[in-house]
Amino acid sequence: MIKSPRPSRFAAVLAATCLIGLTACSSVSSSSDVFSVNGSGYSQDTFASLVKALSDAGQFKPVDGVLNKEDASVVLRTLIRYEAFSQFIKENNVKVKQSDIDTVMKSAEADTGFAAYPKLLKDLLVNFNVADVTLKSMAIPKESVLESLYSKSPASAGVLCLSHILVKTEAEAKTVLADLAGGTKFADEAAKKSIEPGADKSGGSLANGEEPCQALANLQSSFDKDFMIGAVAAKPGVPTGPVKSSFGYHIILSHPFSEVKQSVTTVVTENPGTTLLAGFMAVADITINSKYGVWNGATATIS
């Protein structure tokens, strides 16, 4: 997250999340861009100006104008998320309300430190907070819209409804796949073959309490990276694998919408804007300049 130059109520909101306002995205990306989202790029020159503004405000300490890898990743993820937000609301015909802008500006101007911020950071603070308010005010789409998203790629709806079977070796995983192809029910195979504790009772379900589905963002922050890559790639109703993780080999099942539609709706209803934005990012074409690392859409991280 990005820390504020000075502690205050308004700036504390900035420190609590990972969004920055974009002011210089081009419609076509190029090799000189720091990153691009669905072809819309952010230039190196603008990024350098931002790094300087952050440095002048005391948020980061670059060396010769260059941020260390960890700090650069924080800033890049923030910028990428906002550009994705901009495209997401346009695609979904969501309008930023002038009343929200006015409220954010009033709150900003009441902050005693706001006037001293560089203009670029003022813009970032305002744009970020307006985006946050916009996401919070979004309504859940119709079930037919969720079904369309989920059926193409469950992750695009911002949720995953998973079961898995964990075994020690790739050979065992292939045997599991063969059993499933032969007609064995997934839960029965999990109860018999999975080495995950409790699989004999859960049938391999990765439910969140009574809900068979979980928000994608929650899984991204808590599950193994390699597992998430396999989970996001899984098609509804099709056992996927073997997927190797730090725990062993997984066969992953993403449940069909017809089986979990009520849970999908329940999870998305909790925070429609943020949940659907995470889904939008999971399937977006996001790239970053190789000198900063590689973007992983399944985990929304840079490595």
C-alpha atoms as a PDB file:
ATOM      1  CA  MET A   1       0.000   0.000   0.000  1.00  0.00           C
ATOM      2  CA  ILE A   2       1.098   3.600  -0.487  1.00  0.00           C
ATOM      3  CA  LYS A   3       1.770   5.586   2.635  1.00  0.00           C
ATOM      4  CA  SER A   4       0.730   9.192   2.979  1.00  0.00           C
ATOM      5  CA  PRO A   5       3.403  11.895   3.398  1.00  0.00           C
ATOM      6  CA  ARG A   6       1.629  13.024   6.545  1.00  0.00           C
ATOM      7  CA  PRO A   7      -0.730  11.189   8.893  1.00  0.00           C
ATOM      8  CA  SER A   8      -4.329  12.432   8.585  1.00  0.00           C
ATOM      9  CA  ARG A   9      -7.862  11.139   8.300  1.00  0.00           C
ATOM     10  CA  PHE A  10      -8.023  11.689   4.544  1.00  0.00           C
ATOM     11  CA  ALA A  11      -4.564  10.303   3.850  1.00  0.00           C
ATOM     12  CA  ALA A  12      -5.228   7.295   6.049  1.00  0.00           C
ATOM     13  CA  VAL A  13      -7.791   6.138   3.505  1.00  0.00           C
ATOM     14  CA  LEU A  14      -5.052   6.150   0.885  1.00  0.00           C
ATOM     15  CA  ALA A  15      -2.789   4.088   3.106  1.00  0.00           C
ATOM     16  CA  ALA A  16      -5.501   1.485   3.560  1.00  0.00           C
ATOM     17  CA  THR A  17      -5.866   0.480  -0.079  1.00  0.00           C
ATOM     18  CA  CYS A  18      -4.031   0.007  -3.336  1.00  0.00           C
ATOM     19  CA  LEU A  19      -5.364   2.519  -5.857  1.00  0.00           C
ATOM     20  CA  ILE A  20      -3.767   5.537  -7.479  1.00  0.00           C
ATOM     21  CA  GLY A  21      -5.320   7.819 -10.043  1.00  0.00           C
ATOM     22  CA  LEU A  22      -3.951   7.497 -13.561  1.00  0.00           C
ATOM     23  CA  THR A  23      -3.410  10.667 -15.541  1.00  0.00           C
ATOM     24  CA  ALA A  24      -1.341   9.547 -18.517  1.00  0.00           C
ATOM     25  CA  CYS A  25      -2.422   6.340 -20.180  1.00  0.00           C
ATOM     26  CA  SER A  26      -2.062   6.139 -23.932  1.00  0.00           C
ATOM     27  CA  SER A  27      -4.568   4.240 -26.047  1.00  0.00           C
ATOM     28  CA  VAL A  28      -1.867   2.072 -27.625  1.00  0.00           C
ATOM     29  CA  SER A  29       0.968   0.520 -25.638  1.00  0.00           C
ATOM     30  CA  SER A  30       4.586   0.520 -26.768  1.00  0.00           C
ATOM     31  CA  SER A  31       7.914  -0.938 -25.702  1.00  0.00           C
ATOM     32  CA  SER A  32       8.616   2.268 -23.785  1.00  0.00           C
ATOM     33  CA  ASP A  33       5.601   1.772 -21.517  1.00  0.00           C
ATOM     34  CA  VAL A  34       5.951   0.662 -17.934  1.00  0.00           C
ATOM     35  CA  PHE A  35       2.810  -1.448 -18.243  1.00  0.00           C
ATOM     36  CA  SER A  36      -0.290  -1.890 -20.351  1.00  0.00           C
ATOM     37  CA  VAL A  37      -3.824  -3.057 -19.632  1.00  0.00           C
ATOM     38  CA  ASN A  38      -5.693  -4.361 -22.663  1.00  0.00           C
ATOM     39  CA  GLY A  39      -3.413  -2.311 -24.889  1.00  0.00           C
ATOM     40  CA  SER A  40      -3.613   0.935 -22.915  1.00  0.00           C
ATOM     41  CA  GLY A  41      -0.093   1.830 -21.804  1.00  0.00           C
ATOM     42  CA  TYR A  42       1.508   3.970 -19.088  1.00  0.00           C
ATOM     43  CA  SER A  43       4.680   5.727 -20.211  1.00  0.00           C
ATOM     44  CA  GLN A  44       8.127   5.513 -18.635  1.00  0.00           C
ATOM     45  CA  ASP A  45       8.351   9.324 -18.552  1.00  0.00           C
ATOM     46  CA  THR A  46       5.142   9.657 -16.573  1.00  0.00           C
ATOM     47  CA  PHE A  47       6.238   6.890 -14.238  1.00  0.00           C
ATOM     48  CA  ALA A  48       9.537   8.697 -13.622  1.00  0.00           C
ATOM     49  CA  SER A  49       7.617  11.885 -12.792  1.00  0.00           C
ATOM     50  CA  LEU A  50       5.443   9.949 -10.381  1.00  0.00           C
ATOM     51  CA  VAL A  51       8.466   8.375  -8.681  1.00  0.00           C
ATOM     52  CA  LYS A  52       9.953  11.861  -8.207  1.00  0.00           C
ATOM     53  CA  ALA A  53       6.703  13.196  -6.769  1.00  0.00           C
ATOM     54  CA  LEU A  54       6.474  10.278  -4.346  1.00  0.00           C
ATOM     55  CA  SER A  55      10.105  10.787  -3.376  1.00  0.00           C
ATOM     56  CA  ASP A  56       9.650  14.529  -2.840  1.00  0.00           C
ATOM     57  CA  ALA A  57       6.662  13.764  -0.632  1.00  0.00           C
ATOM     58  CA  GLY A  58       8.761  11.379   1.462  1.00  0.00           C
ATOM     59  CA  GLN A  59       6.841   8.230   0.596  1.00  0.00           C
ATOM     60  CA  PHE A  60       9.738   6.354  -1.003  1.00  0.00           C
ATOM     61  CA  LYS A  61      13.501   6.673  -1.184  1.00  0.00           C
ATOM     62  CA  PRO A  62      14.624   5.882  -4.746  1.00  0.00           C
ATOM     63  CA  VAL A  63      18.308   5.514  -5.572  1.00  0.00           C
ATOM     64  CA  ASP A  64      19.305   7.608  -8.600  1.00  0.00           C
ATOM     65  CA  GLY A  65      15.621   7.982  -9.402  1.00  0.00           C
ATOM     66  CA  VAL A  66      14.974   4.227  -9.331  1.00  0.00           C
ATOM     67  CA  LEU A  67      12.714   2.503  -6.817  1.00  0.00           C
ATOM     68  CA  ASN A  68      13.740  -0.799  -5.311  1.00  0.00           C
ATOM     69  CA  LYS A  69      11.836  -3.827  -6.606  1.00  0.00           C
ATOM     70  CA  GLU A  70       9.414  -4.052  -3.696  1.00  0.00           C
ATOM     71  CA  ASP A  71       8.442  -0.376  -3.817  1.00  0.00           C
ATOM     72  CA  ALA A  72       8.180  -0.418  -7.610  1.00  0.00           C
ATOM     73  CA  SER A  73       5.825  -3.406  -7.398  1.00  0.00           C
ATOM     74  CA  VAL A  74       3.585  -1.564  -4.939  1.00  0.00           C
ATOM     75  CA  VAL A  75       3.319   1.465  -7.209  1.00  0.00           C
ATOM     76  CA  LEU A  76       2.856  -0.600 -10.373  1.00  0.00           C
ATOM     77  CA  ARG A  77       0.128  -2.781  -8.892  1.00  0.00           C
ATOM     78  CA  THR A  78      -1.638   0.369  -7.762  1.00  0.00           C
ATOM     79  CA  LEU A  79      -1.444   1.997 -11.175  1.00  0.00           C
ATOM     80  CA  ILE A  80      -2.477  -1.195 -12.949  1.00  0.00           C
ATOM     81  CA  ARG A  81      -5.502  -1.609 -10.711  1.00  0.00           C
ATOM     82  CA  TYR A  82      -6.682   1.917 -11.388  1.00  0.00           C
ATOM     83  CA  GLU A  83      -6.304   1.614 -15.150  1.00  0.00           C
ATOM     84  CA  ALA A  84      -8.260  -1.640 -14.924  1.00  0.00           C
ATOM     85  CA  PHE A  85     -10.896   0.194 -12.871  1.00  0.00           C
ATOM     86  CA  SER A  86     -11.196   2.887 -15.545  1.00  0.00           C
ATOM     87  CA  GLN A  87     -11.775   0.287 -18.250  1.00  0.00           C
ATOM     88  CA  PHE A  88     -14.052  -1.779 -16.012  1.00  0.00           C
ATOM     89  CA  ILE A  89     -16.501   1.034 -15.263  1.00  0.00           C
ATOM     90  CA  LYS A  90     -16.569   2.054 -18.926  1.00  0.00           C
ATOM     91  CA  GLU A  91     -17.341  -1.508 -20.000  1.00  0.00           C
ATOM     92  CA  ASN A  92     -20.111  -1.734 -17.410  1.00  0.00           C
ATOM     93  CA  ASN A  93     -21.576   1.718 -18.124  1.00  0.00           C
ATOM     94  CA  VAL A  94     -20.860   2.921 -14.594  1.00  0.00           C
ATOM     95  CA  LYS A  95     -20.547   6.687 -14.282  1.00  0.00           C
ATOM     96  CA  VAL A  96     -18.445   8.571 -11.751  1.00  0.00           C
ATOM     97  CA  LYS A  97     -20.847  10.902  -9.939  1.00  0.00           C
ATOM     98  CA  GLN A  98     -20.038  14.595  -9.623  1.00  0.00           C
ATOM     99  CA  SER A  99     -21.478  14.485  -6.111  1.00  0.00           C
ATOM    100  CA  ASP A 100     -18.865  11.880  -5.173  1.00  0.00           C
ATOM    101  CA  ILE A 101     -16.098  14.035  -6.636  1.00  0.00           C
ATOM    102  CA  ASP A 102     -17.377  17.037  -4.667  1.00  0.00           C
ATOM    103  CA  THR A 103     -17.522  15.034  -1.441  1.00  0.00           C
ATOM    104  CA  VAL A 104     -13.995  13.724  -1.909  1.00  0.00           C
ATOM    105  CA  MET A 105     -12.664  17.205  -2.713  1.00  0.00           C
ATOM    106  CA  LYS A 106     -14.325  18.644   0.382  1.00  0.00           C
ATOM    107  CA  SER A 107     -12.766  15.945   2.528  1.00  0.00           C
ATOM    108  CA  ALA A 108      -9.379  16.496   0.911  1.00  0.00           C
ATOM    109  CA  GLU A 109      -9.416  20.238   1.398  1.00  0.00           C
ATOM    110  CA  ALA A 110     -10.321  19.778   5.056  1.00  0.00           C
ATOM    111  CA  ASP A 111      -7.053  17.907   5.502  1.00  0.00           C
ATOM    112  CA  THR A 112      -4.457  20.323   6.842  1.00  0.00           C
ATOM    113  CA  GLY A 113      -1.638  18.666   4.910  1.00  0.00           C
ATOM    114  CA  PHE A 114      -3.383  18.381   1.554  1.00  0.00           C
ATOM    115  CA  ALA A 115      -2.445  21.859   0.306  1.00  0.00           C
ATOM    116  CA  ALA A 116       1.262  21.067   0.688  1.00  0.00           C
ATOM    117  CA  TYR A 117       1.174  17.932  -1.458  1.00  0.00           C
ATOM    118  CA  PRO A 118       2.593  18.138  -5.001  1.00  0.00           C
ATOM    119  CA  LYS A 119      -0.199  18.552  -7.564  1.00  0.00           C
ATOM    120  CA  LEU A 120       0.371  15.080  -8.962  1.00  0.00           C
ATOM    121  CA  LEU A 121      -0.201  13.538  -5.538  1.00  0.00           C
ATOM    122  CA  LYS A 122      -3.269  15.700  -4.975  1.00  0.00           C
ATOM    123  CA  ASP A 123      -4.702  14.335  -8.195  1.00  0.00           C
ATOM    124  CA  LEU A 124      -3.811  10.801  -7.169  1.00  0.00           C
ATOM    125  CA  LEU A 125      -5.494  11.135  -3.786  1.00  0.00           C
ATOM    126  CA  VAL A 126      -8.669  12.553  -5.258  1.00  0.00           C
ATOM    127  CA  ASN A 127      -8.863  10.081  -8.135  1.00  0.00           C
ATOM    128  CA  PHE A 128      -8.208   7.169  -5.834  1.00  0.00           C
ATOM    129  CA  ASN A 129     -10.891   8.106  -3.344  1.00  0.00           C
ATOM    130  CA  VAL A 130     -13.456   8.772  -6.058  1.00  0.00           C
ATOM    131  CA  ALA A 131     -12.716   5.332  -7.511  1.00  0.00           C
ATOM    132  CA  ASP A 132     -13.167   3.730  -4.113  1.00  0.00           C
ATOM    133  CA  VAL A 133     -16.535   5.419  -3.614  1.00  0.00           C
ATOM    134  CA  THR A 134     -17.623   4.428  -7.120  1.00  0.00           C
ATOM    135  CA  LEU A 135     -16.808   0.762  -6.521  1.00  0.00           C
ATOM    136  CA  LYS A 136     -18.644   0.740  -3.198  1.00  0.00           C
ATOM    137  CA  SER A 137     -21.793   2.127  -4.788  1.00  0.00           C
ATOM    138  CA  MET A 138     -22.000  -0.459  -7.576  1.00  0.00           C
ATOM    139  CA  ALA A 139     -25.011  -2.761  -7.616  1.00  0.00           C
ATOM    140  CA  ILE A 140     -24.841  -6.478  -8.284  1.00  0.00           C
ATOM    141  CA  PRO A 141     -25.617  -7.318 -11.926  1.00  0.00           C
ATOM    142  CA  LYS A 142     -28.435  -9.602 -13.014  1.00  0.00           C
ATOM    143  CA  GLU A 143     -27.971 -13.340 -12.557  1.00  0.00           C
ATOM    144  CA  SER A 144     -27.795 -13.743 -16.345  1.00  0.00           C
ATOM    145  CA  VAL A 145     -24.771 -11.425 -16.441  1.00  0.00           C
ATOM    146  CA  LEU A 146     -23.031 -13.358 -13.676  1.00  0.00           C
ATOM    147  CA  GLU A 147     -23.807 -16.618 -15.449  1.00  0.00           C
ATOM    148  CA  SER A 148     -22.318 -15.314 -18.692  1.00  0.00           C
ATOM    149  CA  LEU A 149     -19.131 -14.202 -16.942  1.00  0.00           C
ATOM    150  CA  TYR A 150     -18.817 -17.369 -14.878  1.00  0.00           C
ATOM    151  CA  SER A 151     -19.473 -19.715 -17.792  1.00  0.00           C
ATOM    152  CA  LYS A 152     -16.673 -18.155 -19.844  1.00  0.00           C
ATOM    153  CA  SER A 153     -14.259 -18.079 -16.916  1.00  0.00           C
ATOM    154  CA  PRO A 154     -15.378 -18.366 -13.281  1.00  0.00           C
ATOM    155  CA  ALA A 155     -12.594 -16.010 -12.190  1.00  0.00           C
ATOM    156  CA  SER A 156     -14.009 -13.250 -14.406  1.00  0.00           C
ATOM    157  CA  ALA A 157     -17.015 -13.069 -12.066  1.00  0.00           C
ATOM    158  CA  GLY A 158     -14.611 -12.437  -9.193  1.00  0.00           C
ATOM    159  CA  VAL A 159     -15.406 -15.731  -7.482  1.00  0.00           C
ATOM    160  CA  LEU A 160     -14.182 -19.310  -7.520  1.00  0.00           C
ATOM    161  CA  CYS A 161     -16.177 -22.333  -6.380  1.00  0.00           C
ATOM    162  CA  LEU A 162     -13.627 -25.096  -6.063  1.00  0.00           C
ATOM    163  CA  SER A 163     -12.981 -28.634  -4.977  1.00  0.00           C
ATOM    164  CA  HIS A 164      -9.636 -30.378  -5.281  1.00  0.00           C
ATOM    165  CA  ILE A 165      -7.903 -33.670  -4.798  1.00  0.00           C
ATOM    166  CA  LEU A 166      -4.355 -33.513  -3.435  1.00  0.00           C
ATOM    167  CA  VAL A 167      -1.887 -36.358  -3.936  1.00  0.00           C
ATOM    168  CA  LYS A 168       1.861 -36.732  -3.523  1.00  0.00           C
ATOM    169  CA  THR A 169       2.956 -37.639  -7.045  1.00  0.00           C
ATOM    170  CA  GLU A 170       2.124 -36.754 -10.632  1.00  0.00           C
ATOM    171  CA  ALA A 171       1.483 -40.416 -11.395  1.00  0.00           C
ATOM    172  CA  GLU A 172      -1.156 -40.566  -8.658  1.00  0.00           C
ATOM    173  CA  ALA A 173      -2.751 -37.394 -10.019  1.00  0.00           C
ATOM    174  CA  LYS A 174      -3.009 -38.936 -13.484  1.00  0.00           C
ATOM    175  CA  THR A 175      -4.654 -41.998 -11.975  1.00  0.00           C
ATOM    176  CA  VAL A 176      -7.180 -39.718 -10.282  1.00  0.00           C
ATOM    177  CA  LEU A 177      -7.942 -38.072 -13.631  1.00  0.00           C
ATOM    178  CA  ALA A 178      -8.456 -41.478 -15.213  1.00  0.00           C
ATOM    179  CA  ASP A 179     -10.842 -42.502 -12.431  1.00  0.00           C
ATOM    180  CA  LEU A 180     -12.857 -39.311 -12.894  1.00  0.00           C
ATOM    181  CA  ALA A 181     -12.961 -39.814 -16.659  1.00  0.00           C
ATOM    182  CA  GLY A 182     -14.268 -43.313 -15.976  1.00  0.00           C
ATOM    183  CA  GLY A 183     -17.240 -41.949 -14.071  1.00  0.00           C
ATOM    184  CA  THR A 184     -16.133 -41.808 -10.433  1.00  0.00           C
ATOM    185  CA  LYS A 185     -17.722 -38.864  -8.636  1.00  0.00           C
ATOM    186  CA  PHE A 186     -15.262 -36.143  -7.670  1.00  0.00           C
ATOM    187  CA  ALA A 187     -16.236 -36.098  -3.987  1.00  0.00           C
ATOM    188  CA  ASP A 188     -15.938 -39.890  -3.756  1.00  0.00           C
ATOM    189  CA  GLU A 189     -12.500 -39.837  -5.370  1.00  0.00           C
ATOM    190  CA  ALA A 190     -11.396 -37.045  -3.027  1.00  0.00           C
ATOM    191  CA  ALA A 191     -12.598 -38.965   0.010  1.00  0.00           C
ATOM    192  CA  LYS A 192     -10.665 -42.026  -1.143  1.00  0.00           C
ATOM    193  CA  LYS A 193      -7.467 -40.569  -2.614  1.00  0.00           C
ATOM    194  CA  SER A 194      -6.831 -37.039  -1.322  1.00  0.00           C
ATOM    195  CA  ILE A 195      -4.160 -36.570   1.346  1.00  0.00           C
ATOM    196  CA  GLU A 196      -5.704 -33.282   2.463  1.00  0.00           C
ATOM    197  CA  PRO A 197      -6.896 -33.564   6.083  1.00  0.00           C
ATOM    198  CA  GLY A 198     -10.674 -33.875   6.253  1.00  0.00           C
ATOM    199  CA  ALA A 199     -11.145 -34.694   2.575  1.00  0.00           C
ATOM    200  CA  ASP A 200     -13.001 -37.863   3.525  1.00  0.00           C
ATOM    201  CA  LYS A 201     -15.756 -35.642   4.929  1.00  0.00           C
ATOM    202  CA  SER A 202     -15.466 -32.524   2.732  1.00  0.00           C
ATOM    203  CA  GLY A 203     -15.149 -34.345  -0.588  1.00  0.00           C
ATOM    204  CA  GLY A 204     -12.315 -31.961  -1.395  1.00  0.00           C
ATOM    205  CA  SER A 205     -14.521 -28.864  -1.238  1.00  0.00           C
ATOM    206  CA  LEU A 206     -12.754 -25.553  -0.629  1.00  0.00           C
ATOM    207  CA  ALA A 207     -15.912 -23.975   0.719  1.00  0.00           C
ATOM    208  CA  ASN A 208     -15.915 -20.941   2.985  1.00  0.00           C
ATOM    209  CA  GLY A 209     -18.110 -22.199   5.783  1.00  0.00           C
ATOM    210  CA  GLU A 210     -21.550 -22.812   4.306  1.00  0.00           C
ATOM    211  CA  GLU A 211     -20.663 -21.080   1.042  1.00  0.00           C
ATOM    212  CA  PRO A 212     -19.148 -23.284  -1.702  1.00  0.00           C
ATOM    213  CA  CYS A 213     -17.760 -20.137  -3.365  1.00  0.00           C
ATOM    214  CA  GLN A 214     -15.164 -17.607  -2.255  1.00  0.00           C
ATOM    215  CA  ALA A 215     -14.175 -14.166  -3.487  1.00  0.00           C
ATOM    216  CA  LEU A 216     -11.237 -14.409  -5.875  1.00  0.00           C
ATOM    217  CA  ALA A 217      -9.344 -11.698  -3.985  1.00  0.00           C
ATOM    218  CA  ASN A 218      -9.495 -13.721  -0.761  1.00  0.00           C
ATOM    219  CA  LEU A 219      -8.090 -16.793  -2.487  1.00  0.00           C
ATOM    220  CA  GLN A 220      -5.360 -14.744  -4.175  1.00  0.00           C
ATOM    221  CA  SER A 221      -4.096 -13.545  -0.815  1.00  0.00           C
ATOM    222  CA  SER A 222      -4.104 -16.918   0.920  1.00  0.00           C
ATOM    223  CA  PHE A 223      -3.556 -19.752  -1.584  1.00  0.00           C
ATOM    224  CA  ASP A 224      -0.402 -21.100  -3.218  1.00  0.00           C
ATOM    225  CA  LYS A 225       0.518 -19.200  -6.405  1.00  0.00           C
ATOM    226  CA  ASP A 226       0.821 -22.281  -8.598  1.00  0.00           C
ATOM    227  CA  PHE A 227      -2.465 -23.642  -7.303  1.00  0.00           C
ATOM    228  CA  MET A 228      -4.149 -20.331  -8.164  1.00  0.00           C
ATOM    229  CA  ILE A 229      -2.794 -20.418 -11.712  1.00  0.00           C
ATOM    230  CA  GLY A 230      -4.421 -23.813 -12.182  1.00  0.00           C
ATOM    231  CA  ALA A 231      -7.628 -22.785 -10.428  1.00  0.00           C
ATOM    232  CA  VAL A 232      -8.123 -19.654 -12.531  1.00  0.00           C
ATOM    233  CA  ALA A 233      -7.464 -21.625 -15.723  1.00  0.00           C
ATOM    234  CA  ALA A 234      -9.967 -24.372 -14.840  1.00  0.00           C
ATOM    235  CA  LYS A 235     -13.157 -24.528 -16.908  1.00  0.00           C
ATOM    236  CA  PRO A 236     -16.482 -25.082 -15.115  1.00  0.00           C
ATOM    237  CA  GLY A 237     -17.249 -28.756 -14.588  1.00  0.00           C
ATOM    238  CA  VAL A 238     -13.973 -30.041 -16.067  1.00  0.00           C
ATOM    239  CA  PRO A 239     -11.420 -31.662 -13.709  1.00  0.00           C
ATOM    240  CA  THR A 240      -8.116 -29.882 -14.331  1.00  0.00           C
ATOM    241  CA  GLY A 241      -4.574 -31.027 -13.663  1.00  0.00           C
ATOM    242  CA  PRO A 242      -2.226 -32.250 -12.595  1.00  0.00           C
ATOM    243  CA  VAL A 243      -1.376 -28.881 -11.022  1.00  0.00           C
ATOM    244  CA  LYS A 244       1.869 -28.902  -9.048  1.00  0.00           C
ATOM    245  CA  SER A 245       2.097 -26.713  -5.962  1.00  0.00           C
ATOM    246  CA  SER A 246       4.287 -26.587  -2.884  1.00  0.00           C
ATOM    247  CA  PHE A 247       1.938 -29.140  -1.296  1.00  0.00           C
ATOM    248  CA  GLY A 248       1.923 -31.787  -4.016  1.00  0.00           C
ATOM    249  CA  TYR A 249      -0.208 -32.412  -7.093  1.00  0.00           C
ATOM    250  CA  HIS A 250      -3.797 -31.235  -7.406  1.00  0.00           C
ATOM    251  CA  ILE A 251      -6.755 -32.125  -9.548  1.00  0.00           C
ATOM    252  CA  ILE A 252      -9.008 -29.068  -9.441  1.00  0.00           C
ATOM    253  CA  LEU A 253     -12.730 -28.873 -10.132  1.00  0.00           C
ATOM    254  CA  SER A 254     -14.400 -25.510 -10.716  1.00  0.00           C
ATOM    255  CA  HIS A 255     -18.074 -26.204 -10.142  1.00  0.00           C
ATOM    256  CA  PRO A 256     -20.636 -25.419 -12.874  1.00  0.00           C
ATOM    257  CA  PHE A 257     -22.739 -22.286 -12.409  1.00  0.00           C
ATOM    258  CA  SER A 258     -25.945 -24.300 -12.150  1.00  0.00           C
ATOM    259  CA  GLU A 259     -24.629 -25.969  -8.987  1.00  0.00           C
ATOM    260  CA  VAL A 260     -23.383 -22.820  -7.250  1.00  0.00           C
ATOM    261  CA  LYS A 261     -25.367 -19.884  -8.658  1.00  0.00           C
ATOM    262  CA  GLN A 262     -26.865 -18.932  -5.293  1.00  0.00           C
ATOM    263  CA  SER A 263     -23.432 -18.875  -3.675  1.00  0.00           C
ATOM    264  CA  VAL A 264     -21.953 -16.881  -6.572  1.00  0.00           C
ATOM    265  CA  THR A 265     -24.671 -14.272  -6.089  1.00  0.00           C
ATOM    266  CA  THR A 266     -24.169 -14.227  -2.321  1.00  0.00           C
ATOM    267  CA  VAL A 267     -20.418 -13.689  -2.579  1.00  0.00           C
ATOM    268  CA  VAL A 268     -20.651 -10.987  -5.253  1.00  0.00           C
ATOM    269  CA  THR A 269     -23.420  -9.214  -3.313  1.00  0.00           C
ATOM    270  CA  GLU A 270     -21.062  -8.660  -0.377  1.00  0.00           C
ATOM    271  CA  ASN A 271     -18.955  -6.215  -2.413  1.00  0.00           C
ATOM    272  CA  PRO A 272     -20.006  -6.121  -6.074  1.00  0.00           C
ATOM    273  CA  GLY A 273     -17.634  -3.439  -7.362  1.00  0.00           C
ATOM    274  CA  THR A 274     -14.435  -4.722  -5.791  1.00  0.00           C
ATOM    275  CA  THR A 275     -15.272  -8.367  -6.493  1.00  0.00           C
ATOM    276  CA  LEU A 276     -16.104  -7.819 -10.157  1.00  0.00           C
ATOM    277  CA  LEU A 277     -13.048  -5.590 -10.649  1.00  0.00           C
ATOM    278  CA  ALA A 278     -10.841  -8.408  -9.336  1.00  0.00           C
ATOM    279  CA  GLY A 279     -12.503 -10.672 -11.887  1.00  0.00           C
ATOM    280  CA  PHE A 280     -11.968  -8.158 -14.679  1.00  0.00           C
ATOM    281  CA  MET A 281      -8.266  -8.003 -13.820  1.00  0.00           C
ATOM    282  CA  ALA A 282      -7.917 -11.790 -13.678  1.00  0.00           C
ATOM    283  CA  VAL A 283      -8.774 -12.129 -17.361  1.00  0.00           C
ATOM    284  CA  ALA A 284      -7.433  -8.797 -18.651  1.00  0.00           C
ATOM    285  CA  ASP A 285      -4.395  -8.644 -20.937  1.00  0.00           C
ATOM    286  CA  ILE A 286      -1.935  -7.061 -18.515  1.00  0.00           C
ATOM    287  CA  THR A 287       1.780  -6.811 -19.221  1.00  0.00           C
ATOM    288  CA  ILE A 288       4.614  -4.938 -17.543  1.00  0.00           C
ATOM    289  CA  ASN A 289       8.054  -3.920 -18.729  1.00  0.00           C
ATOM    290  CA  SER A 290      10.382  -6.872 -18.136  1.00  0.00           C
ATOM    291  CA  LYS A 291      12.792  -4.815 -16.050  1.00  0.00           C
ATOM    292  CA  TYR A 292      10.106  -4.647 -13.358  1.00  0.00           C
ATOM    293  CA  GLY A 293       9.194  -8.338 -13.436  1.00  0.00           C
ATOM    294  CA  VAL A 294       6.269 -10.406 -14.723  1.00  0.00           C
ATOM    295  CA  TRP A 295       2.561  -9.862 -14.071  1.00  0.00           C
ATOM    296  CA  ASN A 296       0.647 -12.893 -12.756  1.00  0.00           C
ATOM    297  CA  GLY A 297      -3.050 -12.449 -13.484  1.00  0.00           C
ATOM    298  CA  ALA A 298      -4.091 -15.414 -11.347  1.00  0.00           C
ATOM    299  CA  THR A 299      -2.697 -13.790  -8.211  1.00  0.00           C
ATOM    300  CA  ALA A 300      -2.691 -10.104  -9.255  1.00  0.00           C
ATOM    301  CA  THR A 301       0.980  -9.887  -8.296  1.00  0.00           C
ATOM    302  CA  ILE A 302       4.339  -9.067  -9.853  1.00  0.00           C
ATOM    303  CA  SER A 303       7.180 -11.574  -9.610  1.00  0.00           C
END
